[in-house]
N, C-alpha and C. Protein backbone atom coordinates (compact mmCIF):
# COMPACT_ATOMS: atom_id res chain seq x y z
N UNK A 1 -12.34 -7.88 -0.28
CA UNK A 1 -12.59 -7.98 1.14
C UNK A 1 -12.00 -6.74 1.82
N UNK A 2 -12.79 -6.13 2.61
CA UNK A 2 -12.32 -4.97 3.38
C UNK A 2 -12.20 -5.42 4.81
N UNK A 3 -11.06 -5.18 5.40
CA UNK A 3 -10.89 -5.65 6.77
C UNK A 3 -10.12 -4.65 7.61
N UNK A 4 -10.39 -4.72 8.86
CA UNK A 4 -9.64 -4.03 9.90
C UNK A 4 -9.17 -5.09 10.87
N UNK A 5 -8.15 -4.83 11.58
CA UNK A 5 -7.78 -5.73 12.67
C UNK A 5 -7.21 -4.91 13.80
N UNK A 6 -7.22 -5.51 14.95
CA UNK A 6 -6.77 -4.83 16.16
C UNK A 6 -5.88 -5.80 16.92
N UNK A 7 -4.81 -5.29 17.48
CA UNK A 7 -3.95 -6.14 18.30
C UNK A 7 -3.70 -5.44 19.64
N UNK A 8 -3.50 -6.24 20.64
CA UNK A 8 -3.09 -5.72 21.94
C UNK A 8 -1.58 -5.68 21.91
N UNK A 9 -1.02 -4.50 21.83
CA UNK A 9 0.43 -4.39 21.71
C UNK A 9 1.13 -4.24 23.06
N UNK A 10 0.41 -4.47 24.13
CA UNK A 10 1.02 -4.42 25.46
C UNK A 10 2.17 -5.43 25.53
N UNK A 11 3.31 -4.98 25.94
CA UNK A 11 4.46 -5.87 26.09
C UNK A 11 5.26 -6.09 24.81
N UNK A 12 4.77 -5.60 23.68
CA UNK A 12 5.53 -5.74 22.42
C UNK A 12 6.53 -4.60 22.31
N UNK A 13 7.75 -4.93 22.03
CA UNK A 13 8.78 -3.89 21.91
C UNK A 13 8.68 -3.14 20.58
N UNK A 14 8.32 -3.84 19.54
CA UNK A 14 8.28 -3.20 18.22
C UNK A 14 6.92 -3.46 17.58
N UNK A 15 5.88 -2.84 18.14
CA UNK A 15 4.53 -3.11 17.68
C UNK A 15 4.29 -2.66 16.24
N UNK A 16 4.99 -1.64 15.77
CA UNK A 16 4.83 -1.23 14.38
C UNK A 16 5.30 -2.32 13.43
N UNK A 17 6.37 -2.98 13.79
CA UNK A 17 6.90 -4.08 12.97
C UNK A 17 5.92 -5.26 12.97
N UNK A 18 5.36 -5.57 14.13
CA UNK A 18 4.39 -6.66 14.23
C UNK A 18 3.16 -6.33 13.38
N UNK A 19 2.67 -5.11 13.48
CA UNK A 19 1.52 -4.68 12.67
C UNK A 19 1.83 -4.85 11.19
N UNK A 20 2.99 -4.38 10.75
CA UNK A 20 3.37 -4.47 9.35
C UNK A 20 3.46 -5.92 8.89
N UNK A 21 3.97 -6.79 9.72
CA UNK A 21 4.08 -8.21 9.36
C UNK A 21 2.70 -8.84 9.21
N UNK A 22 1.79 -8.52 10.12
CA UNK A 22 0.43 -9.06 10.02
C UNK A 22 -0.27 -8.52 8.77
N UNK A 23 -0.14 -7.24 8.51
CA UNK A 23 -0.72 -6.63 7.31
C UNK A 23 -0.19 -7.32 6.06
N UNK A 24 1.10 -7.54 6.01
CA UNK A 24 1.74 -8.17 4.84
C UNK A 24 1.17 -9.58 4.61
N UNK A 25 1.08 -10.36 5.67
CA UNK A 25 0.57 -11.74 5.56
C UNK A 25 -0.90 -11.73 5.12
N UNK A 26 -1.70 -10.89 5.74
CA UNK A 26 -3.13 -10.82 5.39
C UNK A 26 -3.32 -10.33 3.96
N UNK A 27 -2.61 -9.29 3.58
CA UNK A 27 -2.74 -8.74 2.23
C UNK A 27 -2.29 -9.76 1.19
N UNK A 28 -1.22 -10.46 1.46
CA UNK A 28 -0.72 -11.48 0.54
C UNK A 28 -1.78 -12.56 0.31
N UNK A 29 -2.41 -13.01 1.39
CA UNK A 29 -3.44 -14.05 1.27
C UNK A 29 -4.65 -13.53 0.50
N UNK A 30 -5.05 -12.30 0.77
CA UNK A 30 -6.17 -11.70 0.04
C UNK A 30 -5.86 -11.61 -1.44
N UNK A 31 -4.65 -11.16 -1.77
CA UNK A 31 -4.25 -11.07 -3.18
C UNK A 31 -4.18 -12.45 -3.82
N UNK A 32 -3.68 -13.45 -3.10
CA UNK A 32 -3.60 -14.81 -3.64
C UNK A 32 -4.98 -15.38 -3.95
N UNK A 33 -5.98 -14.92 -3.23
CA UNK A 33 -7.35 -15.40 -3.43
C UNK A 33 -8.13 -14.53 -4.42
N UNK A 34 -7.45 -13.62 -5.10
CA UNK A 34 -8.10 -12.78 -6.10
C UNK A 34 -8.66 -11.49 -5.57
N UNK A 35 -8.31 -11.13 -4.35
CA UNK A 35 -8.80 -9.90 -3.75
C UNK A 35 -8.16 -8.66 -4.34
N UNK A 36 -8.65 -7.54 -3.93
CA UNK A 36 -8.24 -6.24 -4.45
C UNK A 36 -7.28 -5.54 -3.51
N UNK A 37 -6.52 -4.63 -4.06
CA UNK A 37 -5.61 -3.81 -3.27
C UNK A 37 -6.27 -2.49 -2.88
N UNK A 38 -7.45 -2.23 -3.37
CA UNK A 38 -8.10 -0.94 -3.17
C UNK A 38 -8.40 -0.65 -1.70
N UNK A 39 -8.52 0.62 -1.44
CA UNK A 39 -8.83 1.10 -0.09
C UNK A 39 -9.48 2.46 -0.27
N UNK A 40 -10.38 2.83 0.62
CA UNK A 40 -11.09 4.09 0.43
C UNK A 40 -10.18 5.32 0.55
N UNK A 41 -8.99 5.16 1.10
CA UNK A 41 -8.02 6.26 1.15
C UNK A 41 -6.93 6.10 0.09
N UNK A 42 -7.06 5.12 -0.76
CA UNK A 42 -6.03 4.85 -1.76
C UNK A 42 -5.07 3.79 -1.25
N UNK A 43 -4.07 3.51 -2.03
CA UNK A 43 -3.11 2.45 -1.70
C UNK A 43 -2.19 2.87 -0.56
N UNK A 44 -1.71 4.09 -0.61
CA UNK A 44 -0.87 4.61 0.47
C UNK A 44 0.47 3.92 0.61
N UNK A 45 1.11 4.17 1.72
CA UNK A 45 2.44 3.62 1.98
C UNK A 45 2.38 2.16 2.40
N UNK A 46 1.33 1.79 3.14
CA UNK A 46 1.23 0.43 3.67
C UNK A 46 1.13 -0.59 2.56
N UNK A 47 0.39 -0.29 1.50
CA UNK A 47 0.15 -1.25 0.43
C UNK A 47 0.99 -1.00 -0.81
N UNK A 48 1.85 -0.02 -0.78
CA UNK A 48 2.63 0.37 -1.96
C UNK A 48 3.46 -0.77 -2.53
N UNK A 49 3.95 -1.65 -1.69
CA UNK A 49 4.78 -2.75 -2.16
C UNK A 49 4.04 -3.73 -3.05
N UNK A 50 2.72 -3.70 -3.04
CA UNK A 50 1.92 -4.60 -3.87
C UNK A 50 1.57 -4.00 -5.23
N UNK A 51 1.91 -2.73 -5.45
CA UNK A 51 1.49 -2.07 -6.68
C UNK A 51 2.01 -2.76 -7.93
N UNK A 52 3.24 -3.22 -7.93
CA UNK A 52 3.79 -3.88 -9.10
C UNK A 52 3.06 -5.16 -9.44
N UNK A 53 2.48 -5.79 -8.45
CA UNK A 53 1.72 -7.02 -8.65
C UNK A 53 0.34 -6.73 -9.25
N UNK A 54 -0.20 -5.57 -8.95
CA UNK A 54 -1.53 -5.21 -9.40
C UNK A 54 -1.49 -4.53 -10.77
N UNK A 55 -0.57 -3.62 -10.95
CA UNK A 55 -0.44 -2.87 -12.20
C UNK A 55 0.91 -3.17 -12.85
N UNK A 56 0.90 -3.24 -14.14
CA UNK A 56 2.15 -3.46 -14.87
C UNK A 56 3.01 -2.22 -14.93
N UNK A 57 4.18 -2.37 -15.52
CA UNK A 57 5.13 -1.26 -15.64
C UNK A 57 4.53 -0.10 -16.43
N UNK A 58 3.74 -0.39 -17.44
CA UNK A 58 3.12 0.66 -18.24
C UNK A 58 2.22 1.56 -17.42
N UNK A 59 1.43 0.95 -16.53
CA UNK A 59 0.53 1.73 -15.67
C UNK A 59 1.34 2.61 -14.72
N UNK A 60 2.41 2.06 -14.18
CA UNK A 60 3.26 2.83 -13.27
C UNK A 60 3.87 4.02 -14.00
N UNK A 61 4.29 3.80 -15.25
CA UNK A 61 4.87 4.90 -16.04
C UNK A 61 3.86 6.00 -16.29
N UNK A 62 2.61 5.64 -16.56
CA UNK A 62 1.56 6.64 -16.80
C UNK A 62 1.32 7.45 -15.53
N UNK A 63 1.19 6.77 -14.40
CA UNK A 63 0.95 7.47 -13.13
C UNK A 63 2.11 8.40 -12.80
N UNK A 64 3.33 7.93 -12.99
CA UNK A 64 4.51 8.76 -12.71
C UNK A 64 4.55 9.98 -13.63
N UNK A 65 4.18 9.78 -14.88
CA UNK A 65 4.17 10.89 -15.83
C UNK A 65 3.13 11.94 -15.45
N UNK A 66 1.93 11.49 -15.10
CA UNK A 66 0.87 12.43 -14.68
C UNK A 66 1.30 13.16 -13.41
N UNK A 67 1.86 12.42 -12.45
CA UNK A 67 2.32 13.05 -11.21
C UNK A 67 3.39 14.09 -11.50
N UNK A 68 4.32 13.79 -12.38
CA UNK A 68 5.39 14.74 -12.73
C UNK A 68 4.81 16.03 -13.32
N UNK A 69 3.73 15.91 -14.11
CA UNK A 69 3.12 17.09 -14.72
C UNK A 69 2.28 17.89 -13.73
N UNK A 70 1.54 17.19 -12.87
CA UNK A 70 0.63 17.88 -11.95
C UNK A 70 1.27 18.29 -10.63
N UNK A 71 2.35 17.60 -10.29
CA UNK A 71 3.01 17.84 -8.99
C UNK A 71 4.53 17.78 -9.16
N UNK A 72 5.10 18.69 -9.96
CA UNK A 72 6.53 18.61 -10.27
C UNK A 72 7.44 18.77 -9.04
N UNK A 73 6.93 19.38 -7.98
CA UNK A 73 7.75 19.54 -6.78
C UNK A 73 7.54 18.39 -5.78
N UNK A 74 6.67 17.43 -6.16
CA UNK A 74 6.42 16.23 -5.36
C UNK A 74 6.02 16.55 -3.92
N UNK A 75 5.00 17.40 -3.79
CA UNK A 75 4.54 17.78 -2.45
C UNK A 75 3.24 17.10 -2.03
N UNK A 76 2.54 16.50 -2.99
CA UNK A 76 1.26 15.86 -2.68
C UNK A 76 1.45 14.35 -2.57
N UNK A 77 1.00 13.77 -1.46
CA UNK A 77 1.03 12.33 -1.29
C UNK A 77 2.42 11.73 -1.41
N UNK A 78 3.40 12.41 -0.84
CA UNK A 78 4.79 11.94 -0.97
C UNK A 78 4.93 10.52 -0.43
N UNK A 79 5.42 9.64 -1.28
CA UNK A 79 5.66 8.25 -0.90
C UNK A 79 4.43 7.36 -0.94
N UNK A 80 3.30 7.90 -1.34
CA UNK A 80 2.08 7.10 -1.40
C UNK A 80 1.95 6.41 -2.75
N UNK A 81 1.32 5.27 -2.74
CA UNK A 81 1.02 4.56 -3.99
C UNK A 81 2.25 4.01 -4.68
N UNK A 82 3.34 3.90 -3.99
CA UNK A 82 4.54 3.33 -4.59
C UNK A 82 5.31 4.27 -5.49
N UNK A 83 4.99 5.56 -5.45
CA UNK A 83 5.71 6.52 -6.31
C UNK A 83 6.97 7.00 -5.63
């Protein structure tokens, strides 16, 4: 399921926190129902916390190894995808 949502943040003091909480709840429910973590821009920072649930430790090790070889100075996609 691909979804977008919009909130009226007028009057909210910490709208980024509210957005993150809604995203977390929605993503959790989607994952519980067998949904995917994919996104056309990749997993990114917003969904990085779900990576361990989607891929095992072996997959994470492979991705980290490839990233270390291709981007040893860690300048591309810093903090994206749970790395």
